[in-house]
Amino acid sequence: MNKLEEVLNKHGIGKIRCGASCGDGWVPLIDNLIIDLITLGWDKQIEQIKEKFGGLRFYIGGATKEMHDLVDKAEHTSFTICEECGKPGKQSDWGSYWIKTLCPEHGKEYGEH
């Protein structure tokens, strides 16, 4: 079981319709987001969790504006956190074809320019 699966299980979140995948560096961000959403009465339904264009995407079903605002804030914050380790990071193509948000150390793995 990976770290993301552990967090989802910890919060009693069951099947995710379209899957859940991201680097370990974003798991604390997702954990805090889930805690905040549950506090607002969220039903724990997740459509999908993924990385896209270097940022976190966290799709939920029916939710209040306040819940969607929390999701938006977490997604924007992900552009400042290395997806791999959680250290400060930046969004870049890192010399590759993929746009990722990484710290300089993990950026080297993608051919940092």
N, C-alpha and C. Protein backbone atom coordinates (compact mmCIF):
# COMPACT_ATOMS: atom_id res chain seq x y z
N MET A 1 0.85 -1.19 0.00
CA MET A 1 0.00 0.00 0.00
C MET A 1 0.89 1.24 0.00
N ASN A 2 0.61 2.18 -0.92
CA ASN A 2 1.41 3.40 -0.96
C ASN A 2 0.86 4.44 0.02
N LYS A 3 1.58 5.56 0.16
CA LYS A 3 1.21 6.58 1.15
C LYS A 3 -0.16 7.20 0.86
N LEU A 4 -0.49 7.41 -0.40
CA LEU A 4 -1.80 7.96 -0.73
C LEU A 4 -2.90 7.00 -0.32
N GLU A 5 -2.74 5.73 -0.62
CA GLU A 5 -3.73 4.72 -0.22
C GLU A 5 -3.88 4.67 1.30
N GLU A 6 -2.77 4.80 2.02
CA GLU A 6 -2.82 4.80 3.48
C GLU A 6 -3.67 5.96 4.00
N VAL A 7 -3.49 7.16 3.42
CA VAL A 7 -4.27 8.33 3.84
C VAL A 7 -5.75 8.14 3.52
N LEU A 8 -6.04 7.63 2.34
CA LEU A 8 -7.44 7.41 1.97
C LEU A 8 -8.09 6.40 2.91
N ASN A 9 -7.39 5.34 3.21
CA ASN A 9 -7.91 4.34 4.16
C ASN A 9 -8.10 4.92 5.55
N LYS A 10 -7.15 5.73 5.99
CA LYS A 10 -7.22 6.37 7.31
C LYS A 10 -8.51 7.17 7.47
N HIS A 11 -8.95 7.78 6.39
CA HIS A 11 -10.15 8.62 6.43
C HIS A 11 -11.42 7.87 6.01
N GLY A 12 -11.30 6.57 5.78
CA GLY A 12 -12.47 5.78 5.43
C GLY A 12 -13.01 6.06 4.04
N ILE A 13 -12.13 6.45 3.14
CA ILE A 13 -12.54 6.73 1.77
C ILE A 13 -12.42 5.46 0.96
N GLY A 14 -13.51 5.05 0.37
CA GLY A 14 -13.56 3.80 -0.38
C GLY A 14 -13.13 3.97 -1.82
N LYS A 15 -13.80 3.28 -2.67
CA LYS A 15 -13.45 3.24 -4.10
C LYS A 15 -13.49 4.64 -4.71
N ILE A 16 -12.46 4.94 -5.49
CA ILE A 16 -12.40 6.19 -6.23
C ILE A 16 -12.70 5.86 -7.68
N ARG A 17 -13.71 6.50 -8.21
CA ARG A 17 -14.25 6.13 -9.51
C ARG A 17 -13.22 6.06 -10.63
N CYS A 18 -12.38 7.08 -10.77
CA CYS A 18 -11.43 7.12 -11.89
C CYS A 18 -9.98 6.98 -11.43
N GLY A 19 -9.76 6.55 -10.21
CA GLY A 19 -8.41 6.28 -9.74
C GLY A 19 -7.78 7.41 -8.95
N ALA A 20 -6.68 7.06 -8.29
CA ALA A 20 -5.95 8.01 -7.47
C ALA A 20 -4.46 7.73 -7.58
N SER A 21 -3.73 8.75 -8.00
CA SER A 21 -2.29 8.58 -8.16
C SER A 21 -1.60 9.94 -8.07
N CYS A 22 -0.53 10.00 -7.29
CA CYS A 22 0.34 11.17 -7.24
C CYS A 22 1.57 10.79 -6.44
N GLY A 23 2.59 11.65 -6.50
CA GLY A 23 3.80 11.40 -5.75
C GLY A 23 3.60 11.59 -4.25
N ASP A 24 4.49 11.00 -3.47
CA ASP A 24 4.39 11.05 -2.01
C ASP A 24 4.49 12.46 -1.45
N GLY A 25 5.14 13.37 -2.16
CA GLY A 25 5.31 14.73 -1.67
C GLY A 25 4.01 15.49 -1.50
N TRP A 26 2.98 15.11 -2.24
CA TRP A 26 1.68 15.80 -2.13
C TRP A 26 0.74 15.13 -1.14
N VAL A 27 1.11 13.99 -0.61
CA VAL A 27 0.20 13.27 0.29
C VAL A 27 -0.16 14.08 1.53
N PRO A 28 0.79 14.77 2.20
CA PRO A 28 0.38 15.59 3.35
C PRO A 28 -0.61 16.69 2.97
N LEU A 29 -0.44 17.29 1.80
CA LEU A 29 -1.37 18.30 1.31
C LEU A 29 -2.77 17.69 1.14
N ILE A 30 -2.83 16.51 0.56
CA ILE A 30 -4.11 15.82 0.36
C ILE A 30 -4.72 15.42 1.69
N ASP A 31 -3.90 14.95 2.62
CA ASP A 31 -4.38 14.57 3.95
C ASP A 31 -5.05 15.76 4.63
N ASN A 32 -4.38 16.91 4.62
CA ASN A 32 -4.95 18.11 5.24
C ASN A 32 -6.22 18.57 4.52
N LEU A 33 -6.24 18.46 3.20
CA LEU A 33 -7.44 18.82 2.43
C LEU A 33 -8.61 17.93 2.84
N ILE A 34 -8.38 16.64 2.93
CA ILE A 34 -9.45 15.72 3.30
C ILE A 34 -9.98 16.04 4.69
N ILE A 35 -9.08 16.32 5.63
CA ILE A 35 -9.51 16.68 7.00
C ILE A 35 -10.40 17.91 6.96
N ASP A 36 -9.96 18.94 6.22
CA ASP A 36 -10.74 20.18 6.13
C ASP A 36 -12.10 19.94 5.46
N LEU A 37 -12.13 19.12 4.42
CA LEU A 37 -13.39 18.84 3.74
C LEU A 37 -14.36 18.08 4.64
N ILE A 38 -13.85 17.10 5.36
CA ILE A 38 -14.71 16.32 6.28
C ILE A 38 -15.29 17.23 7.35
N THR A 39 -14.49 18.17 7.83
CA THR A 39 -14.95 19.13 8.84
C THR A 39 -16.15 19.93 8.33
N LEU A 40 -16.18 20.17 7.02
CA LEU A 40 -17.28 20.93 6.41
C LEU A 40 -18.48 20.04 6.05
N GLY A 41 -18.39 18.73 6.35
CA GLY A 41 -19.52 17.84 6.09
C GLY A 41 -19.45 17.11 4.77
N TRP A 42 -18.30 17.08 4.16
CA TRP A 42 -18.11 16.41 2.86
C TRP A 42 -18.45 14.94 2.97
N ASP A 43 -19.00 14.37 1.90
CA ASP A 43 -19.46 12.97 1.89
C ASP A 43 -18.37 11.95 1.55
N LYS A 44 -17.13 12.40 1.40
CA LYS A 44 -15.96 11.54 1.14
C LYS A 44 -15.98 10.88 -0.24
N GLN A 45 -16.74 11.42 -1.17
CA GLN A 45 -16.77 10.88 -2.52
C GLN A 45 -15.73 11.58 -3.38
N ILE A 46 -14.78 10.79 -3.90
CA ILE A 46 -13.73 11.31 -4.76
C ILE A 46 -13.89 10.68 -6.14
N GLU A 47 -13.88 11.52 -7.15
CA GLU A 47 -13.94 11.03 -8.53
C GLU A 47 -12.55 10.63 -9.01
N GLN A 48 -11.54 11.48 -8.72
CA GLN A 48 -10.20 11.20 -9.20
C GLN A 48 -9.18 12.09 -8.48
N ILE A 49 -7.97 11.55 -8.29
CA ILE A 49 -6.82 12.32 -7.81
C ILE A 49 -5.69 12.03 -8.79
N LYS A 50 -5.08 13.12 -9.32
CA LYS A 50 -3.99 12.91 -10.28
C LYS A 50 -3.14 14.16 -10.38
N GLU A 51 -2.06 14.04 -11.13
CA GLU A 51 -1.20 15.16 -11.48
C GLU A 51 -1.50 15.52 -12.93
N LYS A 52 -1.59 16.82 -13.22
CA LYS A 52 -1.80 17.27 -14.59
C LYS A 52 -1.08 18.60 -14.76
N PHE A 53 -0.22 18.68 -15.77
CA PHE A 53 0.55 19.89 -16.05
C PHE A 53 1.30 20.40 -14.82
N GLY A 54 1.78 19.47 -14.01
CA GLY A 54 2.59 19.82 -12.85
C GLY A 54 1.81 20.16 -11.60
N GLY A 55 0.49 20.05 -11.64
CA GLY A 55 -0.32 20.39 -10.48
C GLY A 55 -1.26 19.28 -10.06
N LEU A 56 -1.63 19.30 -8.81
CA LEU A 56 -2.59 18.35 -8.27
C LEU A 56 -3.97 18.62 -8.84
N ARG A 57 -4.67 17.56 -9.17
CA ARG A 57 -6.09 17.64 -9.52
C ARG A 57 -6.83 16.71 -8.57
N PHE A 58 -7.80 17.27 -7.87
CA PHE A 58 -8.56 16.55 -6.85
C PHE A 58 -10.03 16.77 -7.17
N TYR A 59 -10.64 15.78 -7.81
CA TYR A 59 -12.01 15.91 -8.28
C TYR A 59 -12.97 15.25 -7.30
N ILE A 60 -13.96 16.03 -6.84
CA ILE A 60 -14.97 15.50 -5.95
C ILE A 60 -16.34 15.69 -6.59
N GLY A 61 -17.31 14.97 -6.08
CA GLY A 61 -18.67 15.08 -6.61
C GLY A 61 -19.35 16.33 -6.08
N GLY A 62 -20.59 16.17 -5.69
CA GLY A 62 -21.35 17.30 -5.16
C GLY A 62 -20.70 17.87 -3.91
N ALA A 63 -20.55 19.17 -3.89
CA ALA A 63 -19.92 19.83 -2.76
C ALA A 63 -20.34 21.30 -2.74
N THR A 64 -20.13 21.92 -1.61
CA THR A 64 -20.46 23.34 -1.47
C THR A 64 -19.37 24.19 -2.11
N LYS A 65 -19.68 25.46 -2.29
CA LYS A 65 -18.68 26.39 -2.82
C LYS A 65 -17.47 26.43 -1.89
N GLU A 66 -17.70 26.42 -0.60
CA GLU A 66 -16.60 26.46 0.37
C GLU A 66 -15.69 25.24 0.21
N MET A 67 -16.28 24.08 -0.04
CA MET A 67 -15.48 22.87 -0.27
C MET A 67 -14.67 22.98 -1.54
N HIS A 68 -15.30 23.45 -2.61
CA HIS A 68 -14.58 23.62 -3.87
C HIS A 68 -13.47 24.67 -3.74
N ASP A 69 -13.69 25.70 -2.93
CA ASP A 69 -12.64 26.69 -2.69
C ASP A 69 -11.44 26.06 -2.00
N LEU A 70 -11.67 25.14 -1.05
CA LEU A 70 -10.57 24.43 -0.39
C LEU A 70 -9.80 23.58 -1.39
N VAL A 71 -10.51 22.90 -2.27
CA VAL A 71 -9.86 22.10 -3.31
C VAL A 71 -9.02 23.00 -4.21
N ASP A 72 -9.57 24.12 -4.64
CA ASP A 72 -8.83 25.06 -5.49
C ASP A 72 -7.55 25.53 -4.80
N LYS A 73 -7.65 25.85 -3.52
CA LYS A 73 -6.48 26.32 -2.76
C LYS A 73 -5.40 25.24 -2.71
N ALA A 74 -5.80 24.00 -2.44
CA ALA A 74 -4.83 22.90 -2.38
C ALA A 74 -4.19 22.67 -3.75
N GLU A 75 -4.99 22.73 -4.80
CA GLU A 75 -4.45 22.54 -6.15
C GLU A 75 -3.43 23.63 -6.48
N HIS A 76 -3.72 24.88 -6.12
CA HIS A 76 -2.78 25.97 -6.38
C HIS A 76 -1.51 25.81 -5.53
N THR A 77 -1.67 25.38 -4.30
CA THR A 77 -0.52 25.17 -3.41
C THR A 77 0.41 24.08 -3.96
N SER A 78 -0.15 23.09 -4.63
CA SER A 78 0.66 21.98 -5.16
C SER A 78 1.73 22.48 -6.14
N PHE A 79 1.54 23.63 -6.76
CA PHE A 79 2.52 24.16 -7.70
C PHE A 79 3.76 24.72 -6.99
N THR A 80 3.77 24.68 -5.66
CA THR A 80 4.92 25.16 -4.89
C THR A 80 5.58 24.03 -4.10
N ILE A 81 5.09 22.80 -4.27
CA ILE A 81 5.57 21.65 -3.49
C ILE A 81 6.06 20.57 -4.43
N CYS A 82 7.27 20.07 -4.18
CA CYS A 82 7.79 18.97 -4.98
C CYS A 82 6.87 17.76 -4.84
N GLU A 83 6.39 17.26 -5.95
CA GLU A 83 5.47 16.12 -5.92
C GLU A 83 6.15 14.87 -5.36
N GLU A 84 7.45 14.77 -5.50
CA GLU A 84 8.16 13.58 -5.06
C GLU A 84 8.49 13.56 -3.57
N CYS A 85 8.93 14.72 -3.01
CA CYS A 85 9.42 14.70 -1.63
C CYS A 85 8.74 15.68 -0.69
N GLY A 86 7.99 16.66 -1.21
CA GLY A 86 7.29 17.61 -0.36
C GLY A 86 8.08 18.87 -0.04
N LYS A 87 9.33 18.96 -0.50
CA LYS A 87 10.12 20.17 -0.29
C LYS A 87 9.61 21.26 -1.23
N PRO A 88 10.03 22.51 -1.02
CA PRO A 88 9.63 23.56 -1.96
C PRO A 88 10.03 23.18 -3.39
N GLY A 89 9.13 23.44 -4.31
CA GLY A 89 9.37 23.08 -5.71
C GLY A 89 8.85 24.14 -6.64
N LYS A 90 9.13 23.94 -7.92
CA LYS A 90 8.61 24.86 -8.95
C LYS A 90 8.11 24.05 -10.13
N GLN A 91 7.15 24.63 -10.81
CA GLN A 91 6.58 24.01 -12.00
C GLN A 91 7.51 24.31 -13.17
N SER A 92 7.90 23.27 -13.90
CA SER A 92 8.77 23.43 -15.05
C SER A 92 8.70 22.19 -15.92
N ASP A 93 9.23 22.30 -17.13
CA ASP A 93 9.34 21.09 -17.96
C ASP A 93 10.63 20.34 -17.63
N TRP A 94 11.49 20.92 -16.83
CA TRP A 94 12.71 20.27 -16.32
C TRP A 94 13.53 19.64 -17.43
N GLY A 95 13.48 20.19 -18.63
CA GLY A 95 14.27 19.68 -19.74
C GLY A 95 13.69 18.44 -20.40
N SER A 96 12.48 18.07 -19.99
CA SER A 96 11.85 16.87 -20.55
C SER A 96 10.56 17.28 -21.24
N TYR A 97 9.80 16.29 -21.65
CA TYR A 97 8.51 16.56 -22.28
C TYR A 97 7.39 16.72 -21.25
N TRP A 98 7.67 16.40 -19.99
CA TRP A 98 6.64 16.44 -18.95
C TRP A 98 6.79 17.68 -18.10
N ILE A 99 5.70 18.35 -17.84
CA ILE A 99 5.68 19.46 -16.90
C ILE A 99 5.43 18.87 -15.53
N LYS A 100 6.33 19.16 -14.60
CA LYS A 100 6.24 18.62 -13.24
C LYS A 100 6.54 19.74 -12.26
N THR A 101 6.07 19.59 -11.03
CA THR A 101 6.47 20.49 -9.95
C THR A 101 7.41 19.71 -9.06
N LEU A 102 8.68 20.15 -9.08
CA LEU A 102 9.74 19.41 -8.40
C LEU A 102 10.71 20.36 -7.71
N CYS A 103 11.44 19.83 -6.74
CA CYS A 103 12.55 20.55 -6.13
C CYS A 103 13.75 20.40 -7.05
N PRO A 104 14.81 21.18 -6.86
CA PRO A 104 15.99 21.04 -7.72
C PRO A 104 16.58 19.62 -7.72
N GLU A 105 16.57 18.97 -6.57
CA GLU A 105 17.13 17.61 -6.50
C GLU A 105 16.38 16.63 -7.40
N HIS A 106 15.05 16.63 -7.32
CA HIS A 106 14.28 15.72 -8.15
C HIS A 106 14.19 16.21 -9.60
N GLY A 107 14.36 17.51 -9.81
CA GLY A 107 14.41 18.05 -11.17
C GLY A 107 15.58 17.48 -11.97
N LYS A 108 16.67 17.18 -11.28
CA LYS A 108 17.84 16.60 -11.96
C LYS A 108 17.50 15.27 -12.60
N GLU A 109 16.60 14.53 -11.97
CA GLU A 109 16.18 13.23 -12.53
C GLU A 109 15.45 13.38 -13.86
N TYR A 110 14.92 14.59 -14.11
CA TYR A 110 14.20 14.86 -15.35
C TYR A 110 15.03 15.69 -16.33
N GLY A 111 16.31 15.84 -16.01
CA GLY A 111 17.19 16.58 -16.92
C GLY A 111 17.04 18.08 -16.78
N GLU A 112 17.11 18.58 -15.54
CA GLU A 112 16.98 20.01 -15.29
C GLU A 112 17.89 20.82 -16.21
N HIS A 113 17.34 21.91 -16.74
CA HIS A 113 18.15 22.75 -17.62
C HIS A 113 18.75 23.90 -16.87
